[in-house]
Amino acid sequence: MKNILIFFFLLFVFVVPFITKAQSQNNLLETQIAMNDSNEKHVMLDIAMNNFFKNNEYFNDISTGYTLIGSQLATQIAYMPRPNIRIQTGVFFHKDFGNDTMLIVKPLLTMKYQKNGYSFLFGNLESNFSHRMVEPLYNYERYITHPLESGLQFKIDRPNIWSDSWLNWEKMEYVGSNFQERFSVGHHTNYSLFQNKKDKLTIDGQFIFSHRGGQIDIDTTPLQTIVNTAIGITYTLHFNRFLFKQFKTESYYINFFDLSPTSQLAYSKGRGISLNVSTSLRHGFQVAMSYWDGFQFVSSRGGTLFQSIASEYGKVGYVEPQRQLLFLRVQYARKVLDMLNVDVRFEPFIDLNKSTLEYAYSLYFTYKNDFSIFNFCKKK
């Protein structure tokens, strides 16, 4: 155990000066619907593609190792009748490599209204990484496994506040359905307490409410309602020395509550502490170190490693009341062409209770662009 901790310490100390934010920097993987005044009255072809490869070399009972590799493609026709309104519809494709019999195809439909830093979406949402949630509340692998969210979304992007509230209707039930409806409600607000050119202090509040139930189905499975909350504080220091750009610390207190009428989980409430420190450099590299201490923590949408109960990839029925993990995250993320992004990650972690070292690595190639195909305002 001592040797593993020394390895992590030396790696952080000597790699950071030559590399470049905590948790991971995910802005290049966010799914934002562009609103550009110059596209008013334009009909556009929107193409977004994500090529992914993620390999988890895990050997624990909470989650064993597995690999995700494949491609996702969304093609849509978009129209902006006004500078602040965009309507788009199309088709989404998901293909896992090595599976020649399954191709997931889903329709897409979204209307977005945006004005003065406020935006409202109805239909497919700006989802996953775009919510900017902490990983114990929102599993980053959902970017691959659950790429689409549908429902309502309200966002604020103003000088001192960023906020995202959404309803994701995951499964609709009908009269006599043999399954239950599923939906989740999420919220994230980041508010600046102090900000200047050099440093910034913010408070952060997040929650996810997830529900499985309904009244018109014939499924007799007990209803389930789970709530996860997080409150934190972040300090960011900007500076220009050598290759350095930024230093950042993040601290979160996180809760879990099972509000189900009849609980089916091993625990009815739990908590956790997440501490992160990171640094950024000029050329797209980031390094972060994160510490997680969780007690009887469960999250309906959160990362599997942070939880005290086994995931679908773990040992059935296994529970581990306390989880203490130390992560090192090394990441390279930047635009290699105007519309093409590359994101490479190496993420080892130590289970401090068991003195084991495991790791994951991933690669993402993403492309997104709008092509104008017709202009209703074009003069003849």
Protein backbone atom coordinates (compact mmCIF):
# COMPACT_ATOMS: atom_id res chain seq x y z
CA MET A 1 0.00 0.00 0.00
CA LYS A 2 2.80 2.42 0.90
CA ASN A 3 4.50 1.82 -2.45
CA ILE A 4 1.26 2.50 -4.34
CA LEU A 5 0.74 5.81 -2.53
CA ILE A 6 4.33 6.84 -3.22
CA PHE A 7 3.81 5.99 -6.90
CA PHE A 8 0.71 8.22 -7.07
CA PHE A 9 2.44 11.07 -5.28
CA LEU A 10 5.50 11.00 -7.52
CA LEU A 11 3.37 10.70 -10.64
CA PHE A 12 1.32 13.74 -9.66
CA VAL A 13 4.34 15.82 -8.67
CA PHE A 14 6.49 15.06 -11.71
CA VAL A 15 3.84 14.67 -14.41
CA VAL A 16 1.83 17.79 -13.58
CA PRO A 17 4.60 20.23 -14.54
CA PHE A 18 4.69 18.77 -18.04
CA ILE A 19 0.99 18.14 -18.55
CA THR A 20 -2.31 20.09 -18.17
CA LYS A 21 -8.27 20.48 -14.79
CA ALA A 22 -10.14 17.97 -11.28
CA GLN A 23 -12.63 15.56 -12.18
CA SER A 24 -12.01 15.73 -15.91
CA GLN A 25 -12.31 18.54 -18.42
CA ASN A 26 -15.37 17.59 -20.41
CA ASN A 27 -16.29 20.72 -22.36
CA LEU A 28 -15.32 19.23 -25.74
CA LEU A 29 -17.79 16.38 -25.15
CA GLU A 30 -20.74 18.61 -24.28
CA THR A 31 -23.74 18.52 -26.62
CA GLN A 32 -24.72 22.13 -27.22
CA ILE A 33 -27.27 23.21 -29.82
CA ALA A 34 -25.73 26.22 -31.55
CA MET A 35 -27.71 29.46 -31.85
CA ASN A 36 -26.14 31.76 -34.43
CA ASP A 37 -27.85 34.97 -35.59
CA SER A 38 -26.34 34.62 -39.04
CA ASN A 39 -28.32 31.39 -39.56
CA GLU A 40 -31.73 33.09 -39.38
CA LYS A 41 -34.04 31.76 -42.13
CA HIS A 42 -31.45 29.11 -42.99
CA VAL A 43 -32.19 25.41 -43.41
CA MET A 44 -29.15 23.49 -42.17
CA LEU A 45 -27.80 19.98 -42.07
CA ASP A 46 -26.43 19.21 -38.61
CA ILE A 47 -24.00 16.30 -38.27
CA ALA A 48 -22.65 15.09 -34.92
CA MET A 49 -20.54 11.95 -34.55
CA ASN A 50 -18.94 10.34 -31.52
CA ASN A 51 -16.44 7.53 -31.88
CA PHE A 52 -15.63 5.99 -28.51
CA PHE A 53 -13.34 3.42 -26.94
CA LYS A 54 -13.31 2.92 -23.15
CA ASN A 55 -11.63 0.01 -21.43
CA ASN A 56 -12.11 -0.54 -17.69
CA GLU A 57 -9.49 -2.81 -16.15
CA TYR A 58 -11.43 -3.36 -12.92
CA PHE A 59 -11.18 -6.46 -10.71
CA ASN A 60 -13.40 -5.58 -7.76
CA ASP A 61 -16.83 -6.85 -6.64
CA ILE A 62 -18.55 -3.48 -7.11
CA SER A 63 -17.70 -3.42 -10.81
CA THR A 64 -15.58 -5.82 -12.83
CA GLY A 65 -13.86 -4.87 -16.07
CA TYR A 66 -15.55 -4.36 -19.41
CA THR A 67 -15.02 -2.54 -22.70
CA LEU A 68 -17.20 -0.08 -24.62
CA ILE A 69 -16.27 0.56 -28.26
CA GLY A 70 -18.32 1.84 -31.17
CA SER A 71 -19.74 4.86 -32.98
CA GLN A 72 -22.74 7.15 -32.67
CA LEU A 73 -24.08 9.40 -35.42
CA ALA A 74 -26.82 12.04 -35.28
CA THR A 75 -27.95 13.67 -38.53
CA GLN A 76 -30.59 16.40 -38.36
CA ILE A 77 -32.27 19.04 -40.47
CA ALA A 78 -32.47 22.35 -38.60
CA TYR A 79 -34.31 25.60 -39.28
CA MET A 80 -34.07 28.96 -37.50
CA PRO A 81 -37.21 31.05 -38.20
CA ARG A 82 -35.87 33.72 -35.80
CA PRO A 83 -32.38 34.41 -34.43
CA ASN A 84 -33.39 32.96 -31.05
CA ILE A 85 -35.47 29.94 -32.17
CA ARG A 86 -34.14 26.71 -33.61
CA ILE A 87 -36.17 23.65 -34.64
CA GLN A 88 -34.48 20.43 -35.69
CA THR A 89 -35.33 16.81 -36.40
CA GLY A 90 -33.40 13.79 -37.56
CA VAL A 91 -32.15 10.31 -36.76
CA PHE A 92 -29.67 8.92 -34.23
CA PHE A 93 -27.63 5.76 -34.84
CA HIS A 94 -25.63 3.74 -32.30
CA LYS A 95 -23.38 0.87 -33.33
CA ASP A 96 -21.30 -1.32 -31.01
CA PHE A 97 -18.27 -2.77 -32.75
CA GLY A 98 -18.20 -6.56 -32.76
CA ASN A 99 -22.00 -6.85 -32.83
CA ASP A 100 -23.23 -7.35 -36.38
CA THR A 101 -26.86 -8.00 -35.44
CA MET A 102 -27.78 -4.85 -33.50
CA LEU A 103 -28.00 -1.27 -34.72
CA ILE A 104 -29.86 1.18 -32.47
CA VAL A 105 -31.88 3.76 -34.42
CA LYS A 106 -33.89 6.51 -32.69
CA PRO A 107 -35.74 9.64 -33.89
CA LEU A 108 -34.61 13.12 -32.82
CA LEU A 109 -36.76 16.21 -32.37
CA THR A 110 -35.91 19.44 -30.54
CA MET A 111 -37.09 23.04 -30.28
CA LYS A 112 -34.77 25.53 -28.56
CA TYR A 113 -35.53 29.12 -27.58
CA GLN A 114 -32.73 31.35 -26.31
CA LYS A 115 -32.59 35.00 -25.27
CA ASN A 116 -30.42 37.13 -22.97
CA GLY A 117 -28.62 34.16 -21.47
CA TYR A 118 -31.77 32.12 -20.85
CA SER A 119 -32.72 29.09 -22.92
CA PHE A 120 -35.57 26.58 -23.01
CA LEU A 121 -35.57 23.23 -24.79
CA PHE A 122 -38.40 20.83 -25.53
CA GLY A 123 -37.57 17.42 -26.99
CA ASN A 124 -34.06 16.01 -27.03
CA LEU A 125 -31.97 17.77 -24.42
CA GLU A 126 -28.45 19.10 -24.14
CA SER A 127 -27.52 16.08 -22.09
CA ASN A 128 -24.81 14.11 -20.30
CA PHE A 129 -21.60 16.15 -19.95
CA SER A 130 -23.61 19.30 -20.71
CA HIS A 131 -25.19 19.06 -17.23
CA ARG A 132 -21.68 19.44 -15.71
CA MET A 133 -22.55 17.20 -12.76
CA VAL A 134 -20.08 15.55 -10.39
CA GLU A 135 -19.42 11.92 -11.27
CA PRO A 136 -20.89 10.38 -8.06
CA LEU A 137 -24.25 11.85 -9.14
CA TYR A 138 -23.94 11.38 -12.89
CA ASN A 139 -21.98 8.55 -14.47
CA TYR A 140 -19.81 9.89 -17.29
CA GLU A 141 -20.24 6.59 -19.14
CA ARG A 142 -23.87 7.59 -19.79
CA TYR A 143 -22.38 9.67 -22.59
CA ILE A 144 -21.90 6.28 -24.30
CA THR A 145 -24.60 4.05 -22.81
CA HIS A 146 -27.46 6.60 -22.56
CA PRO A 147 -26.53 9.33 -25.05
CA LEU A 148 -30.06 10.69 -25.54
CA GLU A 149 -32.31 12.45 -23.04
CA SER A 150 -35.82 13.66 -23.86
CA GLY A 151 -38.11 16.05 -22.04
CA LEU A 152 -37.83 19.66 -20.86
CA GLN A 153 -34.80 21.79 -20.05
CA PHE A 154 -34.27 25.33 -18.76
CA LYS A 155 -30.78 26.86 -18.67
CA ILE A 156 -29.23 30.11 -17.47
CA ASP A 157 -25.85 31.35 -18.61
CA ARG A 158 -25.19 34.80 -17.13
CA PRO A 159 -21.99 36.49 -15.89
CA ASN A 160 -22.32 35.32 -12.25
CA ILE A 161 -24.56 32.28 -12.57
CA TRP A 162 -24.79 29.12 -14.63
CA SER A 163 -27.80 26.86 -14.13
CA ASP A 164 -29.32 23.77 -15.75
CA SER A 165 -32.71 22.26 -14.80
CA TRP A 166 -34.19 19.34 -16.69
CA LEU A 167 -36.80 16.60 -16.80
CA ASN A 168 -35.68 13.46 -18.60
CA TRP A 169 -38.64 11.18 -19.39
CA GLU A 170 -36.87 7.87 -19.80
CA LYS A 171 -39.74 5.41 -20.29
CA MET A 172 -43.39 6.13 -21.05
CA GLU A 173 -46.07 3.71 -19.83
CA TYR A 174 -49.58 3.21 -21.18
CA VAL A 175 -52.75 1.56 -19.90
CA GLY A 176 -51.98 -2.10 -19.29
CA SER A 177 -48.21 -1.78 -19.81
CA ASN A 178 -46.22 -4.62 -18.28
CA PHE A 179 -43.49 -2.19 -17.24
CA GLN A 180 -43.28 0.96 -15.13
CA GLU A 181 -42.63 4.52 -16.20
CA ARG A 182 -39.22 5.98 -15.46
CA PHE A 183 -38.10 9.59 -15.26
CA SER A 184 -35.49 11.75 -13.59
CA VAL A 185 -35.35 15.41 -12.62
CA GLY A 186 -32.00 17.14 -12.30
CA HIS A 187 -30.65 20.53 -11.37
CA HIS A 188 -27.23 22.18 -11.24
CA THR A 189 -26.48 25.78 -10.25
CA ASN A 190 -23.01 27.31 -10.11
CA TYR A 191 -22.87 30.81 -8.59
CA SER A 192 -19.83 33.10 -8.45
CA LEU A 193 -19.19 34.60 -5.01
CA PHE A 194 -16.06 36.40 -6.16
CA GLN A 195 -14.41 36.79 -9.53
CA ASN A 196 -11.64 38.82 -11.15
CA LYS A 197 -9.02 38.25 -13.81
CA LYS A 198 -6.82 36.21 -11.48
CA ASP A 199 -9.09 34.05 -9.33
CA LYS A 200 -12.67 32.90 -8.85
CA LEU A 201 -14.67 31.47 -5.94
CA THR A 202 -17.97 29.70 -6.63
CA ILE A 203 -20.57 27.67 -4.76
CA ASP A 204 -22.20 24.72 -6.43
CA GLY A 205 -25.53 22.95 -5.84
CA GLN A 206 -26.70 19.80 -7.61
CA PHE A 207 -29.41 17.17 -7.26
CA ILE A 208 -30.96 14.27 -9.17
CA PHE A 209 -34.41 12.89 -8.36
CA SER A 210 -35.17 9.57 -10.06
CA HIS A 211 -38.48 7.71 -10.00
CA ARG A 212 -39.78 4.38 -11.21
CA GLY A 213 -43.50 3.69 -10.84
CA GLY A 214 -46.84 4.65 -12.35
CA GLN A 215 -50.53 3.92 -11.82
CA ILE A 216 -51.82 2.47 -15.09
CA ASP A 217 -49.39 -0.41 -15.62
CA ILE A 218 -49.75 -4.02 -14.46
CA ASP A 219 -46.18 -4.32 -13.16
CA THR A 220 -46.26 -5.17 -9.44
CA THR A 221 -42.64 -4.19 -8.76
CA PRO A 222 -42.48 -1.81 -5.74
CA LEU A 223 -42.15 1.88 -6.61
CA GLN A 224 -38.71 3.40 -6.27
CA THR A 225 -37.71 7.02 -5.62
CA ILE A 226 -34.07 7.97 -5.06
CA VAL A 227 -32.64 11.43 -4.41
CA ASN A 228 -28.98 12.43 -4.60
CA THR A 229 -27.71 15.89 -3.67
CA ALA A 230 -24.35 17.63 -3.75
CA ILE A 231 -23.17 20.96 -2.42
CA GLY A 232 -19.67 22.24 -2.97
CA ILE A 233 -17.25 25.09 -3.26
CA THR A 234 -14.68 25.68 -6.00
CA TYR A 235 -11.64 27.93 -6.12
CA THR A 236 -9.91 28.64 -9.43
CA LEU A 237 -6.60 30.47 -9.83
CA HIS A 238 -5.54 31.68 -13.27
CA PHE A 239 -1.88 32.44 -13.96
CA ASN A 240 0.62 32.41 -16.80
CA ARG A 241 3.89 30.87 -15.68
CA PHE A 242 5.83 28.61 -17.97
CA LEU A 243 3.21 26.23 -19.39
CA PHE A 244 0.75 26.64 -16.53
CA LYS A 245 -2.67 28.21 -17.05
CA GLN A 246 -4.85 27.28 -14.10
CA PHE A 247 -5.00 25.66 -10.67
CA LYS A 248 -8.33 24.46 -9.27
CA THR A 249 -9.72 22.90 -6.09
CA GLU A 250 -13.20 21.43 -5.63
CA SER A 251 -14.84 20.12 -2.45
CA TYR A 252 -18.29 18.48 -2.33
CA TYR A 253 -20.52 17.00 0.35
CA ILE A 254 -22.86 14.47 -1.26
CA ASN A 255 -25.99 12.72 0.05
CA PHE A 256 -28.20 9.77 -0.87
CA PHE A 257 -31.82 9.23 0.22
CA ASP A 258 -34.12 6.35 -0.68
CA LEU A 259 -37.65 7.79 -0.46
CA SER A 260 -39.38 4.68 -1.79
CA PRO A 261 -42.53 3.52 0.09
CA THR A 262 -40.94 0.07 0.31
CA SER A 263 -37.16 0.18 0.03
CA GLN A 264 -35.52 -2.59 -2.01
CA LEU A 265 -31.96 -1.38 -1.49
CA ALA A 266 -29.42 -2.43 1.12
CA TYR A 267 -29.30 1.14 2.48
CA SER A 268 -31.90 3.89 2.88
CA LYS A 269 -29.48 6.80 3.17
CA GLY A 270 -25.81 7.52 2.78
CA ARG A 271 -23.22 10.22 2.24
CA GLY A 272 -19.88 10.97 0.70
CA ILE A 273 -17.11 13.53 0.43
CA SER A 274 -15.39 14.34 -2.85
CA LEU A 275 -12.14 16.36 -2.88
CA ASN A 276 -10.42 17.33 -6.12
CA VAL A 277 -7.29 19.26 -7.04
CA SER A 278 -6.15 19.91 -10.59
CA THR A 279 -3.90 21.90 -12.86
CA SER A 280 -4.11 22.97 -16.51
CA LEU A 281 -1.45 23.79 -19.07
CA ARG A 282 -1.49 25.48 -22.44
CA HIS A 283 -1.59 22.63 -24.92
CA GLY A 284 -4.64 20.59 -24.02
CA PHE A 285 -3.24 18.44 -21.21
CA GLN A 286 -4.84 18.19 -17.76
CA VAL A 287 -3.97 16.33 -14.57
CA ALA A 288 -6.24 15.90 -11.55
CA MET A 289 -6.16 14.02 -8.28
CA SER A 290 -9.45 13.14 -6.57
CA TYR A 291 -10.34 11.57 -3.23
CA TRP A 292 -13.67 9.89 -2.50
CA ASP A 293 -14.91 8.78 0.93
CA GLY A 294 -18.40 7.30 0.76
CA PHE A 295 -20.53 5.62 3.41
CA GLN A 296 -23.54 3.54 2.35
CA PHE A 297 -23.72 5.68 -0.77
CA VAL A 298 -26.04 4.76 -3.64
CA SER A 299 -26.77 6.82 -6.75
CA SER A 300 -29.42 6.05 -9.37
CA ARG A 301 -27.45 7.70 -12.17
CA GLY A 302 -23.98 8.00 -10.66
CA GLY A 303 -20.65 6.36 -11.37
CA THR A 304 -20.47 2.72 -10.29
CA LEU A 305 -17.12 2.93 -8.48
CA PHE A 306 -18.42 5.45 -5.94
CA GLN A 307 -21.28 3.29 -4.73
CA SER A 308 -21.62 0.84 -1.84
CA ILE A 309 -23.70 -1.69 -3.79
CA ALA A 310 -22.60 -3.76 -6.77
CA SER A 311 -23.46 -2.52 -10.25
CA GLU A 312 -24.74 -4.70 -13.09
CA TYR A 313 -21.08 -5.46 -13.81
CA GLY A 314 -20.33 -6.49 -10.21
CA LYS A 315 -20.99 -9.44 -7.92
CA VAL A 316 -24.73 -9.93 -7.41
CA GLY A 317 -25.82 -8.86 -3.92
CA TYR A 318 -22.39 -7.56 -2.90
CA VAL A 319 -22.31 -4.52 -0.59
CA GLU A 320 -19.40 -2.50 0.78
CA PRO A 321 -20.56 0.09 3.35
CA GLN A 322 -17.47 2.30 3.14
CA ARG A 323 -15.58 3.15 -0.04
CA GLN A 324 -12.33 5.12 0.04
CA LEU A 325 -10.81 5.76 -3.37
CA LEU A 326 -7.94 7.87 -4.68
CA PHE A 327 -8.00 8.75 -8.39
CA LEU A 328 -5.38 10.17 -10.72
CA ARG A 329 -6.73 11.49 -14.01
CA VAL A 330 -4.43 12.33 -16.90
CA GLN A 331 -6.18 13.79 -19.93
CA TYR A 332 -5.39 15.26 -23.33
CA ALA A 333 -8.32 17.12 -24.91
CA ARG A 334 -8.24 19.63 -27.74
CA LYS A 335 -9.51 20.53 -31.18
CA VAL A 336 -7.31 19.00 -33.85
CA LEU A 337 -9.33 20.55 -36.69
CA ASP A 338 -12.08 23.18 -36.71
CA MET A 339 -14.88 20.69 -36.02
CA LEU A 340 -12.92 17.59 -34.93
CA ASN A 341 -12.06 17.00 -31.27
CA VAL A 342 -9.85 14.38 -29.66
CA ASP A 343 -10.05 13.34 -26.00
CA VAL A 344 -7.65 10.77 -24.49
CA ARG A 345 -7.77 9.73 -20.81
CA PHE A 346 -5.85 7.50 -18.43
CA GLU A 347 -7.52 7.08 -15.02
CA PRO A 348 -5.88 4.80 -12.43
CA PHE A 349 -7.28 4.60 -8.91
CA ILE A 350 -6.41 3.05 -5.56
CA ASP A 351 -8.95 1.33 -3.32
CA LEU A 352 -7.53 2.52 0.00
CA ASN A 353 -9.45 -0.08 2.01
CA LYS A 354 -8.12 -3.01 -0.01
CA SER A 355 -4.75 -1.61 -1.14
CA THR A 356 -5.45 -2.42 -4.80
CA LEU A 357 -4.58 -0.48 -7.94
CA GLU A 358 -6.92 -0.58 -10.96
CA TYR A 359 -7.29 1.66 -14.00
CA ALA A 360 -9.27 2.68 -17.06
CA TYR A 361 -8.35 4.39 -20.30
CA SER A 362 -10.46 5.91 -23.04
CA LEU A 363 -10.37 7.60 -26.42
CA TYR A 364 -13.01 9.82 -28.03
CA PHE A 365 -13.08 11.31 -31.52
CA THR A 366 -15.99 13.70 -31.96
CA TYR A 367 -17.19 15.77 -34.89
CA LYS A 368 -19.97 18.37 -35.03
CA ASN A 369 -20.86 20.89 -37.71
CA ASP A 370 -23.77 22.75 -39.31
CA PHE A 371 -23.98 23.06 -43.09
CA SER A 372 -26.30 25.65 -44.62
CA ILE A 373 -28.27 24.02 -47.44
CA PHE A 374 -30.92 26.67 -48.11
CA ASN A 375 -31.52 30.33 -47.26
CA PHE A 376 -35.08 31.68 -47.43
CA CYS A 377 -33.74 35.23 -47.31
CA LYS A 378 -31.39 34.82 -50.25
CA LYS A 379 -32.07 37.37 -52.92
CA LYS A 380 -32.91 36.10 -56.35
